[in-house]
Amino acid sequence: MIQVRKKEKETPESMIRRFSRRVQQSGTLQRARKLRFRREEKSKTERRNEALYKTKIRKEIGRLKKFGKFDDESLREIKKKLNR
């Protein structure tokens, strides 16, 4: 944590300038910006399960499209059936 105390006869502007310089030198702001949108990587099994789920859905959608029975309601039913 960065702390800056006001010196004698120091203006608030110069104190703020000194504080912002310390923050910049410490690299705190740079680290926060770097990690802002970072996501944790999924494990190998999670990625595999996700891929299997997607292929099953695509296969079922393709089957329903062949029969001309594919719509939004059937997609919800497919997802509900596979999540069980």
PDB file of N, CA and C in Angstrom:
ATOM      1  N   MET A   1       0.845  -1.173   0.000  1.00  0.00           N
ATOM      2  CA  MET A   1       0.000   0.000   0.000  1.00  0.00           C
ATOM      3  C   MET A   1       0.894   1.240   0.000  1.00  0.00           C
ATOM      4  N   ILE A   2       0.527   2.195  -0.813  1.00  0.00           N
ATOM      5  CA  ILE A   2       1.333   3.396  -0.967  1.00  0.00           C
ATOM      6  C   ILE A   2       0.730   4.509  -0.128  1.00  0.00           C
ATOM      7  N   GLN A   3       1.581   5.144   0.673  1.00  0.00           N
ATOM      8  CA  GLN A   3       1.133   6.257   1.510  1.00  0.00           C
ATOM      9  C   GLN A   3       1.994   7.468   1.232  1.00  0.00           C
ATOM     10  N   VAL A   4       1.358   8.629   1.207  1.00  0.00           N
ATOM     11  CA  VAL A   4       2.060   9.889   1.022  1.00  0.00           C
ATOM     12  C   VAL A   4       1.523  10.851   2.063  1.00  0.00           C
ATOM     13  N   ARG A   5       2.410  11.431   2.829  1.00  0.00           N
ATOM     14  CA  ARG A   5       2.006  12.414   3.842  1.00  0.00           C
ATOM     15  C   ARG A   5       2.367  13.804   3.348  1.00  0.00           C
ATOM     16  N   LYS A   6       1.535  14.727   3.701  1.00  0.00           N
ATOM     17  CA  LYS A   6       1.755  16.101   3.279  1.00  0.00           C
ATOM     18  C   LYS A   6       2.939  16.702   4.034  1.00  0.00           C
ATOM     19  N   LYS A   7       3.844  17.300   3.262  1.00  0.00           N
ATOM     20  CA  LYS A   7       4.996  17.965   3.858  1.00  0.00           C
ATOM     21  C   LYS A   7       4.592  19.388   4.253  1.00  0.00           C
ATOM     22  N   GLU A   8       5.440  20.024   5.041  1.00  0.00           N
ATOM     23  CA  GLU A   8       5.159  21.406   5.421  1.00  0.00           C
ATOM     24  C   GLU A   8       5.166  22.293   4.184  1.00  0.00           C
ATOM     25  N   LYS A   9       4.203  23.189   4.117  1.00  0.00           N
ATOM     26  CA  LYS A   9       4.075  24.177   3.032  1.00  0.00           C
ATOM     27  C   LYS A   9       3.979  23.526   1.654  1.00  0.00           C
ATOM     28  N   GLU A  10       3.412  22.329   1.595  1.00  0.00           N
ATOM     29  CA  GLU A  10       3.246  21.642   0.313  1.00  0.00           C
ATOM     30  C   GLU A  10       1.819  21.827  -0.175  1.00  0.00           C
ATOM     31  N   THR A  11       1.658  22.146  -1.430  1.00  0.00           N
ATOM     32  CA  THR A  11       0.310  22.325  -1.979  1.00  0.00           C
ATOM     33  C   THR A  11      -0.308  20.955  -2.251  1.00  0.00           C
ATOM     34  N   PRO A  12      -1.640  20.911  -2.242  1.00  0.00           N
ATOM     35  CA  PRO A  12      -2.313  19.626  -2.534  1.00  0.00           C
ATOM     36  C   PRO A  12      -1.968  19.083  -3.924  1.00  0.00           C
ATOM     37  N   GLU A  13      -1.779  19.973  -4.894  1.00  0.00           N
ATOM     38  CA  GLU A  13      -1.446  19.529  -6.249  1.00  0.00           C
ATOM     39  C   GLU A  13      -0.097  18.802  -6.289  1.00  0.00           C
ATOM     40  N   SER A  14       0.877  19.349  -5.590  1.00  0.00           N
ATOM     41  CA  SER A  14       2.190  18.706  -5.600  1.00  0.00           C
ATOM     42  C   SER A  14       2.156  17.381  -4.827  1.00  0.00           C
ATOM     43  N   MET A  15       1.322  17.314  -3.784  1.00  0.00           N
ATOM     44  CA  MET A  15       1.187  16.065  -3.047  1.00  0.00           C
ATOM     45  C   MET A  15       0.550  14.987  -3.932  1.00  0.00           C
ATOM     46  N   ILE A  16      -0.462  15.379  -4.692  1.00  0.00           N
ATOM     47  CA  ILE A  16      -1.116  14.441  -5.612  1.00  0.00           C
ATOM     48  C   ILE A  16      -0.136  13.994  -6.687  1.00  0.00           C
ATOM     49  N   ARG A  17       0.676  14.923  -7.198  1.00  0.00           N
ATOM     50  CA  ARG A  17       1.683  14.599  -8.203  1.00  0.00           C
ATOM     51  C   ARG A  17       2.696  13.604  -7.647  1.00  0.00           C
ATOM     52  N   ARG A  18       3.117  13.829  -6.405  1.00  0.00           N
ATOM     53  CA  ARG A  18       4.069  12.926  -5.759  1.00  0.00           C
ATOM     54  C   ARG A  18       3.467  11.533  -5.568  1.00  0.00           C
ATOM     55  N   PHE A  19       2.185  11.520  -5.164  1.00  0.00           N
ATOM     56  CA  PHE A  19       1.491  10.242  -4.974  1.00  0.00           C
ATOM     57  C   PHE A  19       1.385   9.487  -6.296  1.00  0.00           C
ATOM     58  N   SER A  20       0.962  10.174  -7.350  1.00  0.00           N
ATOM     59  CA  SER A  20       0.786   9.485  -8.634  1.00  0.00           C
ATOM     60  C   SER A  20       2.126   8.980  -9.168  1.00  0.00           C
ATOM     61  N   ARG A  21       3.214   9.706  -8.909  1.00  0.00           N
ATOM     62  CA  ARG A  21       4.532   9.247  -9.320  1.00  0.00           C
ATOM     63  C   ARG A  21       4.909   7.972  -8.580  1.00  0.00           C
ATOM     64  N   ARG A  22       4.616   7.918  -7.285  1.00  0.00           N
ATOM     65  CA  ARG A  22       4.916   6.706  -6.492  1.00  0.00           C
ATOM     66  C   ARG A  22       4.107   5.506  -6.988  1.00  0.00           C
ATOM     67  N   VAL A  23       2.843   5.749  -7.298  1.00  0.00           N
ATOM     68  CA  VAL A  23       1.989   4.669  -7.804  1.00  0.00           C
ATOM     69  C   VAL A  23       2.551   4.140  -9.114  1.00  0.00           C
ATOM     70  N   GLN A  24       2.959   5.048  -9.986  1.00  0.00           N
ATOM     71  CA  GLN A  24       3.507   4.650 -11.274  1.00  0.00           C
ATOM     72  C   GLN A  24       4.810   3.865 -11.109  1.00  0.00           C
ATOM     73  N   GLN A  25       5.656   4.291 -10.207  1.00  0.00           N
ATOM     74  CA  GLN A  25       6.931   3.612  -9.996  1.00  0.00           C
ATOM     75  C   GLN A  25       6.758   2.239  -9.371  1.00  0.00           C
ATOM     76  N   SER A  26       5.733   2.081  -8.554  1.00  0.00           N
ATOM     77  CA  SER A  26       5.537   0.790  -7.886  1.00  0.00           C
ATOM     78  C   SER A  26       5.017  -0.279  -8.843  1.00  0.00           C
ATOM     79  N   GLY A  27       4.358   0.135  -9.936  1.00  0.00           N
ATOM     80  CA  GLY A  27       3.838  -0.820 -10.910  1.00  0.00           C
ATOM     81  C   GLY A  27       2.488  -1.390 -10.523  1.00  0.00           C
ATOM     82  N   THR A  28       1.869  -0.867  -9.488  1.00  0.00           N
ATOM     83  CA  THR A  28       0.568  -1.363  -9.024  1.00  0.00           C
ATOM     84  C   THR A  28      -0.498  -1.185 -10.087  1.00  0.00           C
ATOM     85  N   LEU A  29      -0.552  -0.003 -10.657  1.00  0.00           N
ATOM     86  CA  LEU A  29      -1.560   0.292 -11.668  1.00  0.00           C
ATOM     87  C   LEU A  29      -1.357  -0.556 -12.920  1.00  0.00           C
ATOM     88  N   GLN A  30      -0.111  -0.728 -13.314  1.00  0.00           N
ATOM     89  CA  GLN A  30       0.201  -1.529 -14.488  1.00  0.00           C
ATOM     90  C   GLN A  30      -0.227  -2.984 -14.294  1.00  0.00           C
ATOM     91  N   ARG A  31       0.028  -3.521 -13.096  1.00  0.00           N
ATOM     92  CA  ARG A  31      -0.372  -4.896 -12.788  1.00  0.00           C
ATOM     93  C   ARG A  31      -1.886  -5.046 -12.804  1.00  0.00           C
ATOM     94  N   ALA A  32      -2.591  -4.060 -12.248  1.00  0.00           N
ATOM     95  CA  ALA A  32      -4.054  -4.117 -12.207  1.00  0.00           C
ATOM     96  C   ALA A  32      -4.639  -4.080 -13.614  1.00  0.00           C
ATOM     97  N   ARG A  33      -4.076  -3.239 -14.465  1.00  0.00           N
ATOM     98  CA  ARG A  33      -4.573  -3.166 -15.841  1.00  0.00           C
ATOM     99  C   ARG A  33      -4.301  -4.453 -16.606  1.00  0.00           C
ATOM    100  N   LYS A  34      -3.166  -5.072 -16.337  1.00  0.00           N
ATOM    101  CA  LYS A  34      -2.814  -6.308 -17.026  1.00  0.00           C
ATOM    102  C   LYS A  34      -3.774  -7.437 -16.643  1.00  0.00           C
ATOM    103  N   LEU A  35      -4.142  -7.509 -15.367  1.00  0.00           N
ATOM    104  CA  LEU A  35      -4.987  -8.597 -14.880  1.00  0.00           C
ATOM    105  C   LEU A  35      -6.473  -8.312 -14.988  1.00  0.00           C
ATOM    106  N   ARG A  36      -6.833  -7.152 -15.502  1.00  0.00           N
ATOM    107  CA  ARG A  36      -8.228  -6.722 -15.519  1.00  0.00           C
ATOM    108  C   ARG A  36      -9.150  -7.691 -16.259  1.00  0.00           C
ATOM    109  N   PHE A  37      -8.756  -8.119 -17.448  1.00  0.00           N
ATOM    110  CA  PHE A  37      -9.627  -8.972 -18.254  1.00  0.00           C
ATOM    111  C   PHE A  37      -9.132 -10.410 -18.333  1.00  0.00           C
ATOM    112  N   ARG A  38      -8.232 -10.778 -17.456  1.00  0.00           N
ATOM    113  CA  ARG A  38      -7.659 -12.118 -17.487  1.00  0.00           C
ATOM    114  C   ARG A  38      -8.678 -13.150 -17.014  1.00  0.00           C
ATOM    115  N   ARG A  39      -8.715 -14.261 -17.693  1.00  0.00           N
ATOM    116  CA  ARG A  39      -9.587 -15.364 -17.300  1.00  0.00           C
ATOM    117  C   ARG A  39      -8.719 -16.552 -16.934  1.00  0.00           C
ATOM    118  N   GLU A  40      -9.214 -17.348 -16.026  1.00  0.00           N
ATOM    119  CA  GLU A  40      -8.485 -18.570 -15.685  1.00  0.00           C
ATOM    120  C   GLU A  40      -8.653 -19.576 -16.809  1.00  0.00           C
ATOM    121  N   GLU A  41      -7.590 -20.279 -17.111  1.00  0.00           N
ATOM    122  CA  GLU A  41      -7.666 -21.295 -18.153  1.00  0.00           C
ATOM    123  C   GLU A  41      -8.439 -22.500 -17.637  1.00  0.00           C
ATOM    124  N   LYS A  42      -9.218 -23.082 -18.536  1.00  0.00           N
ATOM    125  CA  LYS A  42      -9.986 -24.266 -18.159  1.00  0.00           C
ATOM    126  C   LYS A  42      -9.061 -25.476 -18.147  1.00  0.00           C
ATOM    127  N   SER A  43      -9.408 -26.429 -17.301  1.00  0.00           N
ATOM    128  CA  SER A  43      -8.591 -27.640 -17.235  1.00  0.00           C
ATOM    129  C   SER A  43      -8.844 -28.483 -18.490  1.00  0.00           C
ATOM    130  N   LYS A  44      -8.005 -29.455 -18.679  1.00  0.00           N
ATOM    131  CA  LYS A  44      -8.095 -30.303 -19.873  1.00  0.00           C
ATOM    132  C   LYS A  44      -9.430 -31.049 -19.904  1.00  0.00           C
ATOM    133  N   THR A  45      -9.871 -31.550 -18.752  1.00  0.00           N
ATOM    134  CA  THR A  45     -11.140 -32.286 -18.722  1.00  0.00           C
ATOM    135  C   THR A  45     -12.326 -31.373 -18.994  1.00  0.00           C
ATOM    136  N   GLU A  46     -12.275 -30.130 -18.487  1.00  0.00           N
ATOM    137  CA  GLU A  46     -13.368 -29.190 -18.755  1.00  0.00           C
ATOM    138  C   GLU A  46     -13.454 -28.875 -20.246  1.00  0.00           C
ATOM    139  N   ARG A  47     -12.290 -28.652 -20.875  1.00  0.00           N
ATOM    140  CA  ARG A  47     -12.281 -28.367 -22.314  1.00  0.00           C
ATOM    141  C   ARG A  47     -12.799 -29.562 -23.107  1.00  0.00           C
ATOM    142  N   ARG A  48     -12.414 -30.765 -22.694  1.00  0.00           N
ATOM    143  CA  ARG A  48     -12.853 -31.973 -23.381  1.00  0.00           C
ATOM    144  C   ARG A  48     -14.367 -32.140 -23.247  1.00  0.00           C
ATOM    145  N   ASN A  49     -14.877 -31.965 -22.025  1.00  0.00           N
ATOM    146  CA  ASN A  49     -16.323 -32.091 -21.808  1.00  0.00           C
ATOM    147  C   ASN A  49     -17.101 -31.055 -22.606  1.00  0.00           C
ATOM    148  N   GLU A  50     -16.581 -29.834 -22.674  1.00  0.00           N
ATOM    149  CA  GLU A  50     -17.241 -28.790 -23.443  1.00  0.00           C
ATOM    150  C   GLU A  50     -17.274 -29.141 -24.928  1.00  0.00           C
ATOM    151  N   ALA A  51     -16.170 -29.669 -25.438  1.00  0.00           N
ATOM    152  CA  ALA A  51     -16.105 -30.056 -26.844  1.00  0.00           C
ATOM    153  C   ALA A  51     -17.078 -31.198 -27.142  1.00  0.00           C
ATOM    154  N   LEU A  52     -17.152 -32.177 -26.242  1.00  0.00           N
ATOM    155  CA  LEU A  52     -18.096 -33.286 -26.426  1.00  0.00           C
ATOM    156  C   LEU A  52     -19.537 -32.793 -26.425  1.00  0.00           C
ATOM    157  N   TYR A  53     -19.834 -31.864 -25.516  1.00  0.00           N
ATOM    158  CA  TYR A  53     -21.175 -31.290 -25.422  1.00  0.00           C
ATOM    159  C   TYR A  53     -21.543 -30.586 -26.723  1.00  0.00           C
ATOM    160  N   LYS A  54     -20.609 -29.794 -27.256  1.00  0.00           N
ATOM    161  CA  LYS A  54     -20.883 -29.059 -28.493  1.00  0.00           C
ATOM    162  C   LYS A  54     -21.081 -30.000 -29.675  1.00  0.00           C
ATOM    163  N   THR A  55     -20.284 -31.064 -29.757  1.00  0.00           N
ATOM    164  CA  THR A  55     -20.441 -31.994 -30.880  1.00  0.00           C
ATOM    165  C   THR A  55     -21.770 -32.739 -30.796  1.00  0.00           C
ATOM    166  N   LYS A  56     -22.189 -33.081 -29.583  1.00  0.00           N
ATOM    167  CA  LYS A  56     -23.486 -33.754 -29.429  1.00  0.00           C
ATOM    168  C   LYS A  56     -24.626 -32.843 -29.861  1.00  0.00           C
ATOM    169  N   ILE A  57     -24.543 -31.568 -29.468  1.00  0.00           N
ATOM    170  CA  ILE A  57     -25.599 -30.620 -29.850  1.00  0.00           C
ATOM    171  C   ILE A  57     -25.616 -30.435 -31.369  1.00  0.00           C
ATOM    172  N   ARG A  58     -24.438 -30.269 -31.974  1.00  0.00           N
ATOM    173  CA  ARG A  58     -24.373 -30.091 -33.434  1.00  0.00           C
ATOM    174  C   ARG A  58     -24.938 -31.291 -34.174  1.00  0.00           C
ATOM    175  N   LYS A  59     -24.632 -32.467 -33.664  1.00  0.00           N
ATOM    176  CA  LYS A  59     -25.120 -33.694 -34.298  1.00  0.00           C
ATOM    177  C   LYS A  59     -26.649 -33.755 -34.232  1.00  0.00           C
ATOM    178  N   GLU A  60     -27.195 -33.431 -33.078  1.00  0.00           N
ATOM    179  CA  GLU A  60     -28.649 -33.460 -32.898  1.00  0.00           C
ATOM    180  C   GLU A  60     -29.326 -32.382 -33.743  1.00  0.00           C
ATOM    181  N   ILE A  61     -28.718 -31.207 -33.826  1.00  0.00           N
ATOM    182  CA  ILE A  61     -29.278 -30.134 -34.650  1.00  0.00           C
ATOM    183  C   ILE A  61     -29.273 -30.546 -36.122  1.00  0.00           C
ATOM    184  N   GLY A  62     -28.190 -31.149 -36.571  1.00  0.00           N
ATOM    185  CA  GLY A  62     -28.118 -31.621 -37.959  1.00  0.00           C
ATOM    186  C   GLY A  62     -29.185 -32.652 -38.264  1.00  0.00           C
ATOM    187  N   ARG A  63     -29.409 -33.548 -37.309  1.00  0.00           N
ATOM    188  CA  ARG A  63     -30.445 -34.575 -37.495  1.00  0.00           C
ATOM    189  C   ARG A  63     -31.825 -33.946 -37.615  1.00  0.00           C
ATOM    190  N   LEU A  64     -32.124 -32.972 -36.726  1.00  0.00           N
ATOM    191  CA  LEU A  64     -33.428 -32.320 -36.766  1.00  0.00           C
ATOM    192  C   LEU A  64     -33.609 -31.468 -38.020  1.00  0.00           C
ATOM    193  N   LYS A  65     -32.531 -30.847 -38.510  1.00  0.00           N
ATOM    194  CA  LYS A  65     -32.633 -30.043 -39.729  1.00  0.00           C
ATOM    195  C   LYS A  65     -32.950 -30.920 -40.932  1.00  0.00           C
ATOM    196  N   LYS A  66     -32.409 -32.133 -40.942  1.00  0.00           N
ATOM    197  CA  LYS A  66     -32.712 -33.053 -42.043  1.00  0.00           C
ATOM    198  C   LYS A  66     -34.204 -33.354 -42.114  1.00  0.00           C
ATOM    199  N   PHE A  67     -34.808 -33.509 -40.938  1.00  0.00           N
ATOM    200  CA  PHE A  67     -36.242 -33.806 -40.886  1.00  0.00           C
ATOM    201  C   PHE A  67     -37.101 -32.553 -40.982  1.00  0.00           C
ATOM    202  N   GLY A  68     -36.471 -31.375 -40.950  1.00  0.00           N
ATOM    203  CA  GLY A  68     -37.212 -30.112 -41.035  1.00  0.00           C
ATOM    204  C   GLY A  68     -37.941 -29.770 -39.754  1.00  0.00           C
ATOM    205  N   LYS A  69     -37.446 -30.243 -38.633  1.00  0.00           N
ATOM    206  CA  LYS A  69     -38.127 -30.015 -37.357  1.00  0.00           C
ATOM    207  C   LYS A  69     -37.320 -29.137 -36.419  1.00  0.00           C
ATOM    208  N   PHE A  70     -36.334 -28.429 -36.921  1.00  0.00           N
ATOM    209  CA  PHE A  70     -35.471 -27.641 -36.042  1.00  0.00           C
ATOM    210  C   PHE A  70     -36.028 -26.229 -35.865  1.00  0.00           C
ATOM    211  N   ASP A  71     -36.158 -25.808 -34.598  1.00  0.00           N
ATOM    212  CA  ASP A  71     -36.521 -24.433 -34.251  1.00  0.00           C
ATOM    213  C   ASP A  71     -35.960 -24.119 -32.861  1.00  0.00           C
ATOM    214  N   ASP A  72     -36.256 -22.941 -32.337  1.00  0.00           N
ATOM    215  CA  ASP A  72     -35.699 -22.527 -31.042  1.00  0.00           C
ATOM    216  C   ASP A  72     -36.165 -23.430 -29.899  1.00  0.00           C
ATOM    217  N   GLU A  73     -37.394 -23.867 -29.954  1.00  0.00           N
ATOM    218  CA  GLU A  73     -37.927 -24.727 -28.884  1.00  0.00           C
ATOM    219  C   GLU A  73     -37.213 -26.082 -28.866  1.00  0.00           C
ATOM    220  N   SER A  74     -36.952 -26.618 -30.045  1.00  0.00           N
ATOM    221  CA  SER A  74     -36.257 -27.911 -30.096  1.00  0.00           C
ATOM    222  C   SER A  74     -34.811 -27.778 -29.608  1.00  0.00           C
ATOM    223  N   LEU A  75     -34.186 -26.618 -29.849  1.00  0.00           N
ATOM    224  CA  LEU A  75     -32.833 -26.384 -29.348  1.00  0.00           C
ATOM    225  C   LEU A  75     -32.826 -26.373 -27.818  1.00  0.00           C
ATOM    226  N   ARG A  76     -33.806 -25.719 -27.208  1.00  0.00           N
ATOM    227  CA  ARG A  76     -33.918 -25.711 -25.736  1.00  0.00           C
ATOM    228  C   ARG A  76     -34.103 -27.128 -25.191  1.00  0.00           C
ATOM    229  N   GLU A  77     -34.913 -27.913 -25.875  1.00  0.00           N
ATOM    230  CA  GLU A  77     -35.149 -29.291 -25.436  1.00  0.00           C
ATOM    231  C   GLU A  77     -33.868 -30.125 -25.533  1.00  0.00           C
ATOM    232  N   ILE A  78     -33.095 -29.928 -26.589  1.00  0.00           N
ATOM    233  CA  ILE A  78     -31.834 -30.659 -26.763  1.00  0.00           C
ATOM    234  C   ILE A  78     -30.886 -30.324 -25.613  1.00  0.00           C
ATOM    235  N   LYS A  79     -30.731 -29.028 -25.330  1.00  0.00           N
ATOM    236  CA  LYS A  79     -29.823 -28.610 -24.270  1.00  0.00           C
ATOM    237  C   LYS A  79     -30.289 -29.125 -22.913  1.00  0.00           C
ATOM    238  N   LYS A  80     -31.581 -29.101 -22.681  1.00  0.00           N
ATOM    239  CA  LYS A  80     -32.122 -29.597 -21.419  1.00  0.00           C
ATOM    240  C   LYS A  80     -31.867 -31.086 -21.273  1.00  0.00           C
ATOM    241  N   LYS A  81     -32.033 -31.834 -22.376  1.00  0.00           N
ATOM    242  CA  LYS A  81     -31.816 -33.274 -22.350  1.00  0.00           C
ATOM    243  C   LYS A  81     -30.348 -33.622 -22.113  1.00  0.00           C
ATOM    244  N   LEU A  82     -29.424 -32.863 -22.725  1.00  0.00           N
ATOM    245  CA  LEU A  82     -28.013 -33.160 -22.574  1.00  0.00           C
ATOM    246  C   LEU A  82     -27.454 -32.715 -21.223  1.00  0.00           C
ATOM    247  N   ASN A  83     -28.066 -31.756 -20.570  1.00  0.00           N
ATOM    248  CA  ASN A  83     -27.577 -31.286 -19.265  1.00  0.00           C
ATOM    249  C   ASN A  83     -27.911 -32.237 -18.126  1.00  0.00           C
ATOM    250  N   ARG A  84     -28.794 -33.156 -18.363  1.00  0.00           N
ATOM    251  CA  ARG A  84     -29.186 -34.080 -17.294  1.00  0.00           C
ATOM    252  C   ARG A  84     -28.084 -35.025 -16.943  1.00  0.00           C
TER     253      ARG A  84
END
